[in-house]
Protein backbone atom coordinates (compact mmCIF):
# COMPACT_ATOMS: atom_id res chain seq x y z
CA MET A 1 5.20 -7.21 -2.25
CA THR A 2 5.34 -3.94 -0.32
CA GLN A 3 4.58 -0.79 -2.30
CA VAL A 4 7.64 1.46 -2.56
CA PRO A 5 6.80 5.04 -1.45
CA LEU A 6 6.52 7.53 -4.31
CA GLU A 7 8.99 9.92 -2.65
CA ILE A 8 12.28 9.59 -0.82
CA THR A 9 14.06 12.28 1.20
CA CYS A 10 17.54 13.63 0.55
CA SER A 11 18.74 12.24 3.88
CA GLU A 12 17.43 8.76 2.96
CA VAL A 13 19.28 8.93 -0.38
CA GLN A 14 22.45 10.04 1.39
CA ALA A 15 22.08 7.13 3.85
CA TRP A 16 21.76 4.73 0.89
CA ARG A 17 24.94 6.18 -0.61
CA GLY A 18 26.77 5.81 2.70
CA ALA A 19 25.63 2.21 3.02
CA ALA A 20 26.62 1.43 -0.60
CA GLN A 21 22.97 0.57 -1.36
CA ASP A 22 22.51 -0.58 -4.94
CA PHE A 23 20.37 2.05 -6.67
CA VAL A 24 20.41 4.29 -9.73
CA LEU A 25 20.31 8.07 -9.31
CA VAL A 26 18.60 9.69 -12.32
CA ASP A 27 18.81 13.42 -13.03
CA CYS A 28 15.76 14.37 -15.13
CA ARG A 29 16.79 18.03 -15.54
CA GLU A 30 18.03 19.36 -18.85
CA ALA A 31 21.68 19.14 -19.91
CA ASP A 32 22.38 22.84 -19.24
CA GLU A 33 21.12 22.46 -15.66
CA HIS A 34 23.18 19.28 -15.19
CA GLU A 35 26.29 21.15 -16.39
CA LEU A 36 25.73 23.84 -13.73
CA VAL A 37 25.56 21.36 -10.86
CA ALA A 38 24.81 17.66 -10.40
CA ILE A 39 24.92 15.00 -7.73
CA GLU A 40 28.00 12.84 -8.23
CA GLY A 41 27.25 9.52 -9.91
CA SER A 42 23.90 10.53 -11.35
CA LEU A 43 22.70 9.48 -14.80
CA LEU A 44 21.41 12.37 -16.92
CA LEU A 45 18.09 11.45 -18.54
CA PRO A 46 16.26 14.73 -19.27
CA MET A 47 12.48 14.70 -18.95
CA SER A 48 12.32 16.10 -22.51
CA GLU A 49 14.10 12.96 -23.80
CA LEU A 50 12.34 10.43 -21.59
CA MET A 51 9.94 9.09 -24.22
CA VAL A 52 12.79 8.15 -26.58
CA ARG A 53 15.41 7.14 -23.99
CA HIS A 54 13.50 5.40 -21.18
CA GLN A 55 14.59 1.96 -22.46
CA GLU A 56 18.08 2.86 -21.18
CA LEU A 57 16.68 2.09 -17.73
CA ASN A 58 15.48 -1.42 -18.63
CA SER A 59 18.64 -3.04 -17.26
CA HIS A 60 17.85 -1.38 -13.90
CA ARG A 61 14.24 -2.64 -13.77
CA ASP A 62 14.81 -4.54 -10.50
CA GLN A 63 16.89 -1.84 -8.80
CA PRO A 64 15.58 1.14 -6.90
CA LEU A 65 15.63 4.29 -9.05
CA VAL A 66 15.84 7.72 -7.43
CA VAL A 67 14.84 10.54 -9.76
CA TYR A 68 15.69 14.16 -9.03
CA CYS A 69 15.22 17.54 -10.68
CA HIS A 70 15.56 21.12 -9.44
CA HIS A 71 12.77 21.26 -6.83
CA GLY A 72 10.86 17.98 -7.17
CA GLN A 73 8.00 18.70 -9.58
CA ARG A 74 9.50 17.20 -12.75
CA SER A 75 10.94 14.23 -10.88
CA ALA A 76 7.49 13.45 -9.44
CA GLN A 77 6.03 13.43 -12.97
CA VAL A 78 8.89 11.32 -14.33
CA THR A 79 8.61 8.88 -11.42
CA ALA A 80 4.87 8.42 -11.97
CA TRP A 81 5.47 7.80 -15.69
CA LEU A 82 8.31 5.34 -15.04
CA ARG A 83 6.08 3.40 -12.67
CA GLN A 84 3.46 3.17 -15.42
CA GLN A 85 6.20 1.63 -17.58
CA GLY A 86 6.78 -1.09 -15.00
CA LEU A 87 9.65 0.45 -13.00
CA ALA A 88 7.88 -0.08 -9.68
CA LYS A 89 10.88 0.91 -7.55
CA ALA A 90 11.17 4.44 -9.00
CA GLN A 91 11.04 7.21 -6.41
CA SER A 92 11.19 10.99 -6.60
CA MET A 93 13.69 12.78 -4.35
CA THR A 94 11.71 15.32 -2.36
CA GLY A 95 12.91 18.90 -2.89
CA GLY A 96 15.28 18.00 -5.73
CA ILE A 97 18.87 19.10 -6.03
CA ASP A 98 18.02 22.40 -4.32
CA ALA A 99 17.08 20.54 -1.11
CA TRP A 100 20.16 18.34 -1.55
CA ALA A 101 22.36 21.46 -1.67
CA VAL A 102 20.78 22.79 1.53
CA GLU A 103 20.61 19.54 3.52
CA ILE A 104 23.49 17.36 2.27
CA GLU A 105 26.10 19.43 0.39
CA PRO A 106 25.95 23.02 1.68
CA GLY A 107 28.86 24.10 -0.56
CA MET A 108 27.05 22.97 -3.72
CA ALA A 109 26.06 25.67 -6.21
CA ARG A 110 22.38 26.62 -6.20
CA TYR A 111 20.39 28.28 -8.96
């Protein structure tokens, strides 16, 4: 089995969305950040709640998971941890929602 890269770019995620690729988009920011701005269709699973809520992802074990945060640091940590839990298809979106706002949705609020 081919190793899934640890990171995925915003443009690759957008291409998946356009092609109706089956994947789960996970926002690991906190609820107040998610309320400010979020990528449509994302599942909010804050990094601070990951230890108690990660089982919510068990039904998606065989699907690609794309994790994003503000700039990419938290999502990289969450992705590494999820992979340790057996979610081998987890990937961190490079640059986070800030890069998404610049590259994909220029009208999106930035903070």
